[in-house]
Protein backbone atom coordinates (compact mmCIF):
# COMPACT_ATOMS: atom_id res chain seq x y z
CA MET A 1 17.90 1.24 -22.48
CA THR A 2 16.56 4.82 -21.73
CA THR A 3 19.41 7.57 -21.70
CA GLN A 4 19.58 10.33 -19.51
CA VAL A 5 18.65 12.52 -21.43
CA LEU A 6 16.43 16.03 -20.06
CA ILE A 7 13.23 16.22 -21.97
CA PRO A 8 11.03 19.53 -21.61
CA LEU A 9 8.40 19.13 -18.76
CA GLU A 10 5.64 19.92 -21.61
CA LYS A 11 7.18 17.11 -23.73
CA ALA A 12 6.94 14.62 -20.68
CA ARG A 13 3.19 15.58 -19.97
CA GLN A 14 2.30 14.86 -23.70
CA LEU A 15 3.97 11.75 -23.82
CA PHE A 16 1.45 10.23 -21.51
CA PHE A 17 -1.41 12.30 -22.58
CA ASP A 18 -0.97 10.19 -26.01
CA LEU A 19 -1.62 6.96 -24.00
CA MET A 20 -4.13 7.72 -21.20
CA GLU A 21 -7.75 7.84 -21.17
CA VAL A 22 -10.05 9.33 -19.51
CA MET A 23 -11.90 7.18 -16.47
CA PRO A 24 -15.52 5.46 -17.12
CA SER A 25 -18.28 7.34 -16.02
CA GLU A 26 -20.77 6.22 -13.08
CA ARG A 27 -24.24 7.64 -11.84
CA VAL A 28 -23.58 9.10 -8.42
CA PRO A 29 -26.41 11.07 -6.26
CA LEU A 30 -26.76 14.78 -6.71
CA GLU A 31 -25.85 15.52 -3.02
CA LEU A 32 -22.64 13.89 -3.44
CA ILE A 33 -21.08 14.93 -6.60
CA GLY A 34 -19.27 18.01 -5.55
CA GLY A 35 -16.26 18.64 -7.33
CA ARG A 36 -16.89 16.17 -9.65
CA VAL A 37 -16.83 16.22 -13.52
CA LEU A 38 -19.91 15.86 -15.64
CA ALA A 39 -19.65 12.96 -18.20
CA GLU A 40 -22.89 13.91 -20.15
CA ASP A 41 -24.87 16.78 -21.58
CA ILE A 42 -27.97 17.71 -19.20
CA TYR A 43 -31.01 19.09 -21.55
CA ALA A 44 -33.85 20.59 -20.02
CA GLU A 45 -36.95 18.33 -19.84
CA ASN A 46 -38.98 21.64 -18.55
CA ASN A 47 -38.93 25.64 -18.35
CA ILE A 48 -37.17 27.17 -15.84
CA PRO A 49 -38.58 28.57 -14.04
CA PRO A 50 -41.64 26.62 -14.99
CA PHE A 51 -43.93 29.57 -15.02
CA HIS A 52 -44.16 33.21 -14.92
CA ARG A 53 -43.29 34.39 -11.64
CA SER A 54 -43.08 37.09 -9.40
CA PRO A 55 -39.26 38.12 -8.22
CA LEU A 56 -40.94 39.94 -5.07
CA ASP A 57 -43.76 40.20 -2.73
CA GLY A 58 -46.53 42.73 -4.30
CA PHE A 59 -49.58 42.91 -6.90
CA ALA A 60 -49.87 41.39 -9.98
CA PHE A 61 -52.15 43.78 -12.59
CA ARG A 62 -52.69 44.82 -16.02
CA ALA A 63 -50.06 47.51 -17.14
CA GLU A 64 -52.66 48.86 -19.31
CA ASP A 65 -54.71 49.92 -16.29
CA THR A 66 -52.26 52.04 -15.21
CA GLN A 67 -51.80 54.46 -18.05
CA GLY A 68 -52.10 58.04 -16.83
CA ALA A 69 -51.92 57.08 -13.26
CA THR A 70 -50.05 59.69 -11.16
CA GLU A 71 -49.42 60.74 -7.76
CA GLU A 72 -52.49 63.28 -7.88
CA SER A 73 -54.61 60.74 -9.54
CA PRO A 74 -53.50 56.85 -8.62
CA CYS A 75 -55.09 53.98 -10.42
CA TRP A 76 -57.29 52.22 -7.75
CA LEU A 77 -57.45 48.09 -8.53
CA ARG A 78 -59.47 46.05 -6.65
CA ILE A 79 -57.83 42.90 -5.18
CA LEU A 80 -59.37 39.61 -6.06
CA GLU A 81 -57.24 37.34 -3.95
CA GLU A 82 -53.61 36.58 -2.49
CA VAL A 83 -51.49 33.82 -3.93
CA PRO A 84 -48.28 32.63 -2.09
CA ALA A 85 -45.75 30.72 -3.28
CA GLY A 86 -46.18 27.27 -4.07
CA CYS A 87 -49.99 28.02 -5.01
CA TRP A 88 -51.42 28.35 -7.96
CA PRO A 89 -53.92 31.56 -8.75
CA LYS A 90 -57.95 30.60 -8.77
CA HIS A 91 -58.81 33.98 -10.75
CA PRO A 92 -57.68 35.63 -13.87
CA VAL A 93 -56.91 39.55 -13.51
CA LEU A 94 -59.57 41.27 -15.42
CA PRO A 95 -59.71 45.06 -16.18
CA GLY A 96 -59.53 47.33 -13.03
CA THR A 97 -58.44 44.18 -10.42
CA ALA A 98 -55.14 42.80 -9.21
CA THR A 99 -53.97 39.80 -7.41
CA LYS A 100 -51.79 40.18 -4.18
CA ILE A 101 -48.55 37.90 -4.94
CA MET A 102 -45.86 36.62 -3.08
CA THR A 103 -42.33 36.17 -4.03
CA GLY A 104 -41.95 32.90 -6.41
CA ALA A 105 -45.95 32.81 -6.91
CA PRO A 106 -47.11 32.17 -10.22
CA ILE A 107 -48.43 35.27 -12.27
CA PRO A 108 -52.21 34.98 -12.99
CA ALA A 109 -53.75 34.91 -16.29
CA GLY A 110 -54.30 38.46 -17.31
CA ALA A 111 -51.58 40.02 -15.58
CA ASP A 112 -48.49 41.40 -16.93
CA ALA A 113 -46.62 43.46 -14.75
CA VAL A 114 -46.28 43.60 -10.38
CA ILE A 115 -45.49 46.37 -8.28
CA ARG A 116 -43.93 46.11 -4.86
CA PHE A 117 -45.94 46.38 -1.73
CA GLU A 118 -43.90 49.16 -0.52
CA ASP A 119 -44.74 51.18 -3.55
CA THR A 120 -48.64 51.26 -3.46
CA LEU A 121 -51.37 53.23 -1.83
CA SER A 122 -53.81 51.04 0.23
CA ALA A 123 -57.78 51.16 0.71
CA GLU A 124 -60.29 48.64 1.74
CA ASN A 125 -59.55 45.59 -0.40
CA LYS A 126 -58.17 48.08 -3.05
CA VAL A 127 -54.71 48.69 -4.32
CA GLY A 128 -53.64 52.26 -5.71
CA ILE A 129 -50.87 52.78 -8.35
CA LYS A 130 -49.19 56.01 -8.61
CA HIS A 131 -47.31 55.93 -12.41
CA PRO A 132 -47.75 54.16 -15.47
CA PHE A 133 -46.07 50.78 -15.84
CA LEU A 134 -45.14 48.91 -18.91
CA PRO A 135 -45.99 45.30 -19.89
CA GLY A 136 -43.38 42.86 -18.32
CA THR A 137 -42.19 44.85 -15.84
CA ASN A 138 -41.27 42.80 -12.45
CA ILE A 139 -41.89 39.57 -13.97
CA CYS A 140 -39.74 36.21 -14.25
CA TRP A 141 -40.86 34.86 -17.68
CA ALA A 142 -41.22 31.01 -17.96
CA GLY A 143 -38.02 29.44 -19.36
CA GLU A 144 -35.85 32.75 -19.34
CA ASP A 145 -33.20 30.58 -17.51
CA ILE A 146 -33.39 27.87 -19.70
CA LYS A 147 -35.77 26.98 -21.90
CA LYS A 148 -37.26 23.25 -22.50
CA GLY A 149 -34.76 21.37 -24.94
CA GLU A 150 -31.86 23.45 -24.06
CA ARG A 151 -28.74 22.09 -22.88
CA GLY A 152 -28.24 23.47 -19.34
CA LEU A 153 -24.73 21.60 -18.34
CA ARG A 154 -22.54 20.53 -20.94
CA LYS A 155 -20.22 17.35 -20.45
CA GLY A 156 -17.11 18.21 -19.05
CA SER A 157 -18.42 20.83 -16.21
CA VAL A 158 -17.16 20.73 -12.85
CA ILE A 159 -20.04 20.28 -10.29
CA THR A 160 -19.83 23.62 -8.12
CA PRO A 161 -22.74 24.45 -5.52
CA GLY A 162 -24.49 26.66 -8.61
CA ALA A 163 -24.18 23.49 -10.84
CA ALA A 164 -25.74 21.31 -8.20
CA GLY A 165 -28.60 23.87 -8.11
CA LEU A 166 -29.02 23.94 -11.66
CA LEU A 167 -29.17 19.93 -12.15
CA ALA A 168 -31.77 20.12 -8.93
CA SER A 169 -33.75 22.49 -10.91
CA LEU A 170 -33.60 19.94 -13.80
CA GLY A 171 -34.99 17.14 -11.82
CA CYS A 172 -31.46 15.44 -12.16
CA THR A 173 -31.14 12.90 -9.22
CA ASN A 174 -28.40 10.60 -10.08
CA PRO A 175 -26.27 12.31 -12.95
CA ARG A 176 -23.49 10.86 -14.81
CA VAL A 177 -19.93 11.78 -13.53
CA PHE A 178 -16.51 10.59 -14.44
CA ARG A 179 -15.28 8.33 -11.65
CA ARG A 180 -12.50 9.65 -9.57
CA PRO A 181 -8.98 7.79 -10.16
CA SER A 182 -7.46 5.99 -7.52
CA ILE A 183 -3.67 6.80 -7.28
CA ALA A 184 -1.44 4.70 -5.55
CA ILE A 185 1.57 6.16 -3.59
CA ILE A 186 4.59 4.52 -2.37
CA SER A 187 7.32 5.78 -0.77
CA THR A 188 11.00 4.41 -1.18
CA GLY A 189 14.14 4.54 1.05
CA ASP A 190 15.85 2.71 3.72
CA GLU A 191 16.01 6.10 5.68
CA LEU A 192 12.58 6.15 6.12
CA VAL A 193 10.24 5.60 9.11
CA GLU A 194 6.42 6.09 9.78
CA VAL A 195 4.99 8.83 11.51
CA HIS A 196 3.98 6.94 14.58
CA GLN A 197 7.78 5.49 14.96
CA PRO A 198 10.35 7.18 17.18
CA LEU A 199 13.28 8.72 15.01
CA VAL A 200 16.86 6.74 15.71
CA PRO A 201 20.23 8.23 14.20
CA GLY A 202 20.08 8.35 10.32
CA LYS A 203 16.28 7.90 9.92
CA ILE A 204 13.57 10.73 9.07
CA ARG A 205 10.12 10.49 9.02
CA ASN A 206 8.26 10.12 5.56
CA SER A 207 6.62 13.35 5.17
CA ASN A 208 6.58 12.94 1.05
CA LEU A 209 3.63 10.25 1.69
CA TYR A 210 1.21 12.65 3.54
CA SER A 211 2.06 15.86 1.41
CA LEU A 212 1.20 13.50 -1.65
CA MET A 213 -1.75 12.36 0.14
CA VAL A 214 -3.54 15.38 0.05
CA ALA A 215 -2.09 16.90 -3.29
CA VAL A 216 -4.25 13.67 -4.70
CA GLN A 217 -7.16 14.51 -2.84
CA GLU A 218 -6.91 18.49 -4.16
CA ALA A 219 -6.57 17.69 -7.54
CA GLY A 220 -9.61 15.50 -7.66
CA ALA A 221 -8.76 11.95 -7.02
CA ILE A 222 -8.39 8.98 -4.31
CA PRO A 223 -5.29 8.13 -2.71
CA VAL A 224 -4.21 4.92 -2.00
CA ASN A 225 -1.58 4.68 0.95
CA LEU A 226 0.64 1.69 -0.30
CA GLY A 227 3.27 2.90 2.53
CA THR A 228 6.83 2.43 2.16
CA VAL A 229 9.35 -0.06 0.78
CA ALA A 230 13.08 -0.67 1.28
CA ASP A 231 15.77 0.38 -1.62
CA GLU A 232 15.30 -2.90 -3.07
CA PRO A 233 13.88 -3.91 -6.22
CA GLN A 234 11.83 -6.93 -5.61
CA THR A 235 10.19 -5.66 -2.88
CA LEU A 236 9.26 -2.39 -4.40
CA GLY A 237 8.27 -4.77 -7.52
CA GLU A 238 5.89 -6.31 -5.54
CA ARG A 239 4.42 -3.39 -4.54
CA LEU A 240 4.10 -1.71 -7.66
CA GLU A 241 2.39 -4.86 -9.10
CA LYS A 242 -0.32 -4.74 -6.14
CA ALA A 243 -0.46 -0.65 -7.15
CA LEU A 244 -1.34 -1.64 -10.66
CA ALA A 245 -3.58 -4.28 -9.88
CA GLU A 246 -5.83 -1.90 -7.68
CA THR A 247 -5.02 1.58 -9.02
CA ASP A 248 -5.61 3.81 -11.90
CA LEU A 249 -2.23 5.68 -11.63
CA VAL A 250 1.03 4.96 -9.61
CA ILE A 251 3.32 7.34 -8.04
CA THR A 252 6.51 6.55 -6.07
CA THR A 253 8.94 9.14 -4.39
CA GLY A 254 12.63 8.40 -3.71
CA GLY A 255 14.93 6.03 -5.61
CA ALA A 256 14.33 7.96 -9.01
CA SER A 257 18.20 9.56 -9.56
CA VAL A 258 21.46 7.40 -10.53
CA GLY A 259 22.73 6.24 -7.41
CA ASP A 260 23.61 3.20 -6.33
CA TYR A 261 20.41 3.01 -4.04
CA ASP A 262 17.85 4.57 -6.89
CA VAL A 263 16.33 1.34 -8.03
CA VAL A 264 13.02 2.98 -9.49
CA LYS A 265 13.80 2.96 -12.98
CA GLU A 266 15.29 -0.40 -12.87
CA THR A 267 12.49 -1.75 -11.07
CA PHE A 268 10.08 -0.32 -13.77
CA GLU A 269 11.69 -2.19 -16.47
CA LYS A 270 11.99 -5.12 -14.54
CA ILE A 271 8.11 -5.40 -13.95
CA GLY A 272 7.93 -5.08 -18.05
CA ALA A 273 6.78 -1.00 -17.85
CA LYS A 274 7.94 0.96 -20.67
CA VAL A 275 10.31 3.73 -19.91
CA LEU A 276 9.46 7.06 -21.90
CA PHE A 277 11.78 9.25 -19.91
CA TRP A 278 14.13 9.66 -17.37
CA LYS A 279 14.70 13.05 -16.32
CA ILE A 280 12.94 15.91 -16.86
CA ASP A 281 14.34 19.65 -17.54
CA ILE A 282 13.04 21.76 -14.38
CA ARG A 283 14.78 22.67 -11.05
CA PRO A 284 13.98 21.33 -8.68
CA GLY A 285 12.50 18.12 -9.83
CA THR A 286 14.83 16.97 -12.52
CA ALA A 287 15.05 13.43 -11.40
CA ALA A 288 11.85 11.65 -12.47
CA VAL A 289 11.43 8.69 -14.14
CA GLY A 290 7.91 8.07 -16.61
CA ALA A 291 6.87 5.15 -17.51
CA VAL A 292 3.78 3.31 -18.48
CA ARG A 293 2.09 -0.63 -18.30
CA ASP A 294 -0.90 -1.48 -20.05
CA GLY A 295 -1.82 1.74 -20.50
CA LYS A 296 -1.31 2.95 -16.77
CA VAL A 297 1.23 5.51 -15.99
CA LEU A 298 4.12 5.23 -13.40
CA LEU A 299 5.68 8.00 -12.42
CA GLY A 300 8.82 7.99 -10.16
CA LEU A 301 9.48 11.45 -8.31
CA SER A 302 12.29 12.74 -6.30
CA GLY A 303 12.77 11.86 -2.63
CA ASN A 304 13.32 15.50 -1.63
CA PRO A 305 10.04 16.95 -0.51
CA GLY A 306 10.61 20.41 -2.51
CA ALA A 307 11.44 18.30 -5.52
CA ALA A 308 8.50 15.92 -5.29
CA SER A 309 5.94 18.93 -4.59
CA ILE A 310 7.00 20.97 -7.95
CA ALA A 311 7.26 17.67 -9.96
CA PHE A 312 3.95 16.62 -8.78
CA GLU A 313 2.11 19.90 -9.15
CA LEU A 314 3.56 20.28 -12.83
CA LEU A 315 3.69 16.98 -14.15
CA ALA A 316 1.76 14.25 -12.12
CA ARG A 317 -1.26 16.98 -11.09
CA PRO A 318 -2.55 17.56 -14.66
CA LEU A 319 -2.23 13.96 -15.46
CA ILE A 320 -5.05 13.08 -12.53
CA ARG A 321 -7.05 15.84 -13.81
CA TYR A 322 -6.93 14.33 -17.14
CA LEU A 323 -7.94 10.88 -15.93
CA ALA A 324 -10.70 12.42 -13.84
CA GLY A 325 -12.15 14.28 -16.88
CA TYR A 326 -11.17 17.55 -16.06
CA GLU A 327 -10.83 20.15 -18.96
CA GLN A 328 -9.00 22.39 -17.10
CA LEU A 329 -5.77 20.69 -16.23
CA TYR A 330 -3.49 23.28 -15.52
CA ARG A 331 -3.41 26.30 -12.64
CA LEU A 332 -3.49 30.03 -13.80
CA THR A 333 -0.85 31.18 -15.07
CA VAL A 334 -0.29 35.05 -14.72
CA GLN A 335 2.47 37.46 -15.37
CA GLY A 336 3.97 39.95 -12.13
CA ILE A 337 6.48 41.48 -10.47
CA LEU A 338 9.08 39.88 -8.40
CA VAL A 339 9.56 41.98 -5.25
CA GLU A 340 12.73 41.13 -4.45
CA ALA A 341 16.12 39.64 -5.80
CA PHE A 342 16.94 36.17 -6.50
CA GLN A 343 20.64 36.08 -7.01
CA LYS A 344 21.14 32.72 -8.34
CA LYS A 345 21.60 32.07 -12.50
CA SER A 346 19.33 29.84 -13.91
CA PRO A 347 21.13 27.65 -16.55
CA GLN A 348 18.31 24.92 -16.43
CA ARG A 349 14.49 26.04 -16.10
CA ARG A 350 14.02 27.12 -12.59
CA ILE A 351 10.89 26.59 -10.28
CA LEU A 352 10.94 28.63 -7.29
CA ARG A 353 8.17 28.37 -4.44
CA GLY A 354 6.56 31.76 -4.16
CA VAL A 355 3.97 33.97 -1.89
CA ALA A 356 1.89 35.64 -4.54
CA SER A 357 -0.67 38.52 -3.95
CA TRP A 358 -2.40 41.19 -5.72
CA LYS A 359 -1.35 44.81 -5.19
CA GLU A 360 -1.54 47.99 -6.54
CA ASN A 361 -3.43 46.19 -9.61
CA ILE A 362 -0.50 43.91 -10.24
CA TRP A 363 0.46 40.33 -9.18
CA GLN A 364 3.32 40.51 -6.94
CA VAL A 365 5.55 37.51 -5.89
CA LYS A 366 7.87 37.04 -2.86
CA LEU A 367 10.05 33.95 -2.37
CA ALA A 368 8.45 31.41 0.24
CA GLY A 369 11.66 31.06 2.23
CA LYS A 370 14.78 28.62 1.61
CA GLN A 371 14.29 27.06 -1.81
CA ASN A 372 16.68 24.03 -1.18
CA PRO A 373 14.94 21.17 -2.75
CA GLY A 374 14.94 19.24 0.78
CA ILE A 375 13.29 22.20 2.81
CA LEU A 376 9.59 21.59 3.90
CA ARG A 377 8.67 24.96 5.72
CA SER A 378 8.63 27.03 2.17
CA LEU A 379 5.73 24.33 1.04
CA VAL A 380 3.77 25.62 3.48
CA ALA A 381 4.23 29.27 2.92
CA CYS A 382 3.85 28.70 -0.46
CA ASN A 383 0.85 29.37 -2.72
CA ALA A 384 2.65 30.11 -6.07
CA LEU A 385 5.39 28.70 -8.22
CA ILE A 386 7.49 31.36 -10.12
CA ASP A 387 8.68 29.32 -13.67
CA ILE A 388 11.99 31.06 -14.54
CA PRO A 389 13.39 29.96 -17.84
CA ALA A 390 17.09 28.57 -18.52
CA GLY A 391 19.66 30.92 -19.19
CA THR A 392 18.57 33.57 -17.13
CA GLY A 393 19.11 35.16 -13.58
CA PRO A 394 20.40 36.80 -11.49
CA LEU A 395 16.96 38.43 -11.27
CA GLU A 396 16.34 42.05 -9.85
CA ALA A 397 13.90 43.04 -7.71
CA GLY A 398 11.01 44.38 -10.01
CA SER A 399 11.68 41.75 -12.90
CA GLN A 400 8.73 40.26 -14.79
CA VAL A 401 8.21 36.73 -14.19
CA LYS A 402 5.63 34.31 -14.90
CA ILE A 403 3.65 33.16 -11.77
CA ILE A 404 1.67 29.97 -11.60
CA ILE A 405 -1.12 30.36 -8.98
CA GLN A 406 -1.65 27.38 -6.67
CA GLY A 407 -4.33 26.73 -3.77
CA GLY A 408 -4.36 29.15 -0.72
CA TRP A 409 -4.40 32.32 -2.32
CA ASP A 410 -6.82 34.59 -0.35
CA GLY A 411 -5.92 37.89 -2.17
């Protein structure tokens, strides 16, 4: 039987990481892969850019022809042709000639410099240049971005807008990415009613289910709503079996503590899952049950919204991102200043909900409202977590603290 030993958060995560495998890969059309994780190295089959080209509208010419050019005695070159983007030059640039060229157009043979239209003089079918140029001026060379055979993107890269543009330039129409994991979410509790149902005495609406569904999406996975079950082992066990058969990771909320109606750990064991831990050393979020069956993670979180949100952020989210192939599993963590006092002592590692901002060249953070684990409003304001070590506090205003930056920070 698993004992109620508090284990460190980091150890709890590692117990899972040691047993988990990244999702298999699949090919996905380029236009649909935003935010996905590349499952293969991508090498350039051609130079980018594929030819020498002009970065501006102007004239292409031989730099050698401009030696000795001055304001008083400009160099005059005969214009051979005009080359717009998408067309190929018909004539090489010979001594004493130039080609009118548009942004993105290929540099004609013989030319090794480009000048802007507005910096030239004009006469009938001629262009005047008023100072000497060096070879290579205003030319984008073939392969200066990526050379043929060079790795353009590595396995593990997140598909950002820039990465998608690079893949398009490389002609990669269906890149291989890691499959997004599906995450089952099951709420437990006799006190819960669905959002569309009227409240009756003793009941509350199921907020955790929807908070966690959005959190799962934000983490890069697909949430699967498996609804609410009563605090009854057989019903919960049937729902867990369905979740294990249809999804890649299972999260429950409620029933993770030690009360008479807290049946999650017992049910995990009854369906043959190996319980890895029961309680983690953070507050709120202590009540958490971690288990595994057939390589799939089962994670039971507290039914308190604040506790469930914090445990998801610090424990479940890294696991989901690991499954999805992300290399960056954790949020940005910074040192900053607590701008208001926190009066309680923290005998146990404490996680506070905060509002962080960058002011006067330093990170500053204040509390996001009431810190009771059942409070919802502080979750709305929260854009950071404040990680308070065990054995510290009370904290005075101006204390140095560790801040975990979350989504929603806008500077």
